[in-house]
Amino acid sequence: MNHSRWKVKREQELGADHSETEEIRAERAEIRLAMAFAKAVYDRRKELGLSQSDVAERAGLTQAKVSRIEGADAVPTLPLLRRLARALDASLSIAMDEEQEEVVFVARTAA
């Protein structure tokens, strides 16, 4: 069964007999946010033409830490968010609500 069919089948099953618990919904939201952040870091790094090692050096991190962030395997602290934004020459915008999470690095303009 391909992924799209699996998703439809899962949604049908949830609608018929099951409903996600609040705990599962919260966990899914955390995962979506981690993935959105990981993608934003990766996209900005690629936009700048930097390697993970370059970003790590700029942010005072290890390459392995940057890899974990891009793999959505690390939960960044506020100070780490600041360090990454500086390393990526951008400001960081995070918007969250019940339905979606959005993470965007906005390039700083030259003064």
C-alpha atoms as a PDB file:
ATOM      1  CA  MET A   1       0.000   0.000   0.000  1.00  0.00           C
ATOM      2  CA  ASN A   2       1.513   3.337  -0.978  1.00  0.00           C
ATOM      3  CA  HIS A   3       1.775   6.188   1.502  1.00  0.00           C
ATOM      4  CA  SER A   4      -1.197   8.192   0.242  1.00  0.00           C
ATOM      5  CA  ARG A   5      -3.484   5.199   0.514  1.00  0.00           C
ATOM      6  CA  TRP A   6      -2.144   4.446   3.981  1.00  0.00           C
ATOM      7  CA  LYS A   7      -2.918   8.023   5.039  1.00  0.00           C
ATOM      8  CA  VAL A   8      -6.488   7.865   3.699  1.00  0.00           C
ATOM      9  CA  LYS A   9      -7.026   4.480   5.366  1.00  0.00           C
ATOM     10  CA  ARG A  10      -5.676   5.829   8.658  1.00  0.00           C
ATOM     11  CA  GLU A  11      -7.944   8.884   8.480  1.00  0.00           C
ATOM     12  CA  GLN A  12     -10.943   6.674   7.767  1.00  0.00           C
ATOM     13  CA  GLU A  13     -10.075   4.456  10.728  1.00  0.00           C
ATOM     14  CA  LEU A  14      -9.683   7.457  13.003  1.00  0.00           C
ATOM     15  CA  GLY A  15     -12.989   8.881  11.874  1.00  0.00           C
ATOM     16  CA  ALA A  16     -14.849   5.607  12.241  1.00  0.00           C
ATOM     17  CA  ASP A  17     -13.803   4.153  15.569  1.00  0.00           C
ATOM     18  CA  HIS A  18     -10.941   6.126  16.991  1.00  0.00           C
ATOM     19  CA  SER A  19     -10.055   9.604  17.937  1.00  0.00           C
ATOM     20  CA  GLU A  20      -6.604  10.794  18.797  1.00  0.00           C
ATOM     21  CA  THR A  21      -6.012  11.594  22.407  1.00  0.00           C
ATOM     22  CA  GLU A  22      -4.881  15.053  23.413  1.00  0.00           C
ATOM     23  CA  GLU A  23      -1.479  13.578  24.254  1.00  0.00           C
ATOM     24  CA  ILE A  24      -1.065  12.163  20.753  1.00  0.00           C
ATOM     25  CA  ARG A  25      -2.199  15.443  19.163  1.00  0.00           C
ATOM     26  CA  ALA A  26       0.353  17.343  21.279  1.00  0.00           C
ATOM     27  CA  GLU A  27       3.106  14.922  20.326  1.00  0.00           C
ATOM     28  CA  ARG A  28       2.232  15.248  16.651  1.00  0.00           C
ATOM     29  CA  ALA A  29       2.338  19.059  16.956  1.00  0.00           C
ATOM     30  CA  GLU A  30       5.799  18.864  18.552  1.00  0.00           C
ATOM     31  CA  ILE A  31       7.026  16.633  15.753  1.00  0.00           C
ATOM     32  CA  ARG A  32       5.617  18.988  13.099  1.00  0.00           C
ATOM     33  CA  LEU A  33       7.340  21.942  14.764  1.00  0.00           C
ATOM     34  CA  ALA A  34      10.671  20.095  15.003  1.00  0.00           C
ATOM     35  CA  MET A  35      10.408  19.145  11.339  1.00  0.00           C
ATOM     36  CA  ALA A  36       9.488  22.693  10.305  1.00  0.00           C
ATOM     37  CA  PHE A  37      12.487  24.041  12.215  1.00  0.00           C
ATOM     38  CA  ALA A  38      14.795  21.388  10.738  1.00  0.00           C
ATOM     39  CA  LYS A  39      13.653  22.271   7.224  1.00  0.00           C
ATOM     40  CA  ALA A  40      14.090  26.002   7.857  1.00  0.00           C
ATOM     41  CA  VAL A  41      17.677  25.491   9.069  1.00  0.00           C
ATOM     42  CA  TYR A  42      18.495  23.228   6.126  1.00  0.00           C
ATOM     43  CA  ASP A  43      16.912  25.566   3.553  1.00  0.00           C
ATOM     44  CA  ARG A  44      18.684  28.652   4.903  1.00  0.00           C
ATOM     45  CA  ARG A  45      22.018  26.837   5.110  1.00  0.00           C
ATOM     46  CA  LYS A  46      21.689  25.703   1.491  1.00  0.00           C
ATOM     47  CA  GLU A  47      20.596  29.197   0.421  1.00  0.00           C
ATOM     48  CA  LEU A  48      23.856  30.537   1.856  1.00  0.00           C
ATOM     49  CA  GLY A  49      25.913  27.729   0.316  1.00  0.00           C
ATOM     50  CA  LEU A  50      27.185  26.601   3.717  1.00  0.00           C
ATOM     51  CA  SER A  51      28.050  23.131   4.932  1.00  0.00           C
ATOM     52  CA  GLN A  52      26.895  21.811   8.296  1.00  0.00           C
ATOM     53  CA  SER A  53      30.473  22.304   9.496  1.00  0.00           C
ATOM     54  CA  ASP A  54      30.396  25.949   8.400  1.00  0.00           C
ATOM     55  CA  VAL A  55      27.175  26.583  10.335  1.00  0.00           C
ATOM     56  CA  ALA A  56      28.557  24.706  13.334  1.00  0.00           C
ATOM     57  CA  GLU A  57      31.693  26.845  13.362  1.00  0.00           C
ATOM     58  CA  ARG A  58      29.710  30.082  13.034  1.00  0.00           C
ATOM     59  CA  ALA A  59      27.324  29.038  15.846  1.00  0.00           C
ATOM     60  CA  GLY A  60      29.923  27.512  18.168  1.00  0.00           C
ATOM     61  CA  LEU A  61      28.426  24.035  17.794  1.00  0.00           C
ATOM     62  CA  THR A  62      29.595  20.703  16.517  1.00  0.00           C
ATOM     63  CA  GLN A  63      28.732  19.448  13.054  1.00  0.00           C
ATOM     64  CA  ALA A  64      26.955  16.536  14.742  1.00  0.00           C
ATOM     65  CA  LYS A  65      24.687  18.963  16.632  1.00  0.00           C
ATOM     66  CA  VAL A  66      23.764  20.766  13.410  1.00  0.00           C
ATOM     67  CA  SER A  67      23.044  17.385  11.831  1.00  0.00           C
ATOM     68  CA  ARG A  68      20.737  16.455  14.737  1.00  0.00           C
ATOM     69  CA  ILE A  69      18.941  19.802  14.396  1.00  0.00           C
ATOM     70  CA  GLU A  70      18.446  19.314  10.650  1.00  0.00           C
ATOM     71  CA  GLY A  71      17.273  15.774  11.310  1.00  0.00           C
ATOM     72  CA  ALA A  72      14.648  17.028  13.808  1.00  0.00           C
ATOM     73  CA  ASP A  73      16.407  14.974  16.492  1.00  0.00           C
ATOM     74  CA  ALA A  74      17.264  17.873  18.797  1.00  0.00           C
ATOM     75  CA  VAL A  75      15.040  20.285  20.690  1.00  0.00           C
ATOM     76  CA  PRO A  76      16.706  23.697  20.499  1.00  0.00           C
ATOM     77  CA  THR A  77      16.797  26.026  23.468  1.00  0.00           C
ATOM     78  CA  LEU A  78      16.158  29.754  23.103  1.00  0.00           C
ATOM     79  CA  PRO A  79      19.895  30.578  23.273  1.00  0.00           C
ATOM     80  CA  LEU A  80      20.557  27.976  20.575  1.00  0.00           C
ATOM     81  CA  LEU A  81      17.866  29.510  18.364  1.00  0.00           C
ATOM     82  CA  ARG A  82      19.610  32.863  18.693  1.00  0.00           C
ATOM     83  CA  ARG A  83      23.021  31.361  17.864  1.00  0.00           C
ATOM     84  CA  LEU A  84      21.627  29.636  14.785  1.00  0.00           C
ATOM     85  CA  ALA A  85      19.890  32.782  13.572  1.00  0.00           C
ATOM     86  CA  ARG A  86      23.137  34.724  13.884  1.00  0.00           C
ATOM     87  CA  ALA A  87      25.113  31.942  12.202  1.00  0.00           C
ATOM     88  CA  LEU A  88      22.652  31.949   9.319  1.00  0.00           C
ATOM     89  CA  ASP A  89      22.675  35.771   8.986  1.00  0.00           C
ATOM     90  CA  ALA A  90      18.943  35.942   9.570  1.00  0.00           C
ATOM     91  CA  SER A  91      16.208  36.685  12.016  1.00  0.00           C
ATOM     92  CA  LEU A  92      14.007  33.795  13.070  1.00  0.00           C
ATOM     93  CA  SER A  93      10.230  33.896  12.913  1.00  0.00           C
ATOM     94  CA  ILE A  94       8.148  31.139  14.516  1.00  0.00           C
ATOM     95  CA  ALA A  95       4.353  31.104  14.274  1.00  0.00           C
ATOM     96  CA  MET A  96       2.239  28.432  15.940  1.00  0.00           C
ATOM     97  CA  ASP A  97      -1.444  27.759  16.260  1.00  0.00           C
ATOM     98  CA  GLU A  98      -3.726  24.750  16.547  1.00  0.00           C
ATOM     99  CA  GLU A  99      -3.411  23.707  12.919  1.00  0.00           C
ATOM    100  CA  GLN A 100       0.056  24.609  11.740  1.00  0.00           C
ATOM    101  CA  GLU A 101       3.548  25.589  12.687  1.00  0.00           C
ATOM    102  CA  GLU A 102       5.681  27.883  10.570  1.00  0.00           C
ATOM    103  CA  VAL A 103       9.395  28.496  11.017  1.00  0.00           C
ATOM    104  CA  VAL A 104      11.158  30.970   8.743  1.00  0.00           C
ATOM    105  CA  PHE A 105      14.630  32.451   8.672  1.00  0.00           C
ATOM    106  CA  VAL A 106      14.411  35.946   7.189  1.00  0.00           C
ATOM    107  CA  ALA A 107      17.653  37.206   5.658  1.00  0.00           C
ATOM    108  CA  ARG A 108      19.009  40.327   7.241  1.00  0.00           C
ATOM    109  CA  THR A 109      19.271  43.267   4.888  1.00  0.00           C
ATOM    110  CA  ALA A 110      22.556  45.091   4.525  1.00  0.00           C
ATOM    111  CA  ALA A 111      22.567  48.347   6.430  1.00  0.00           C
END
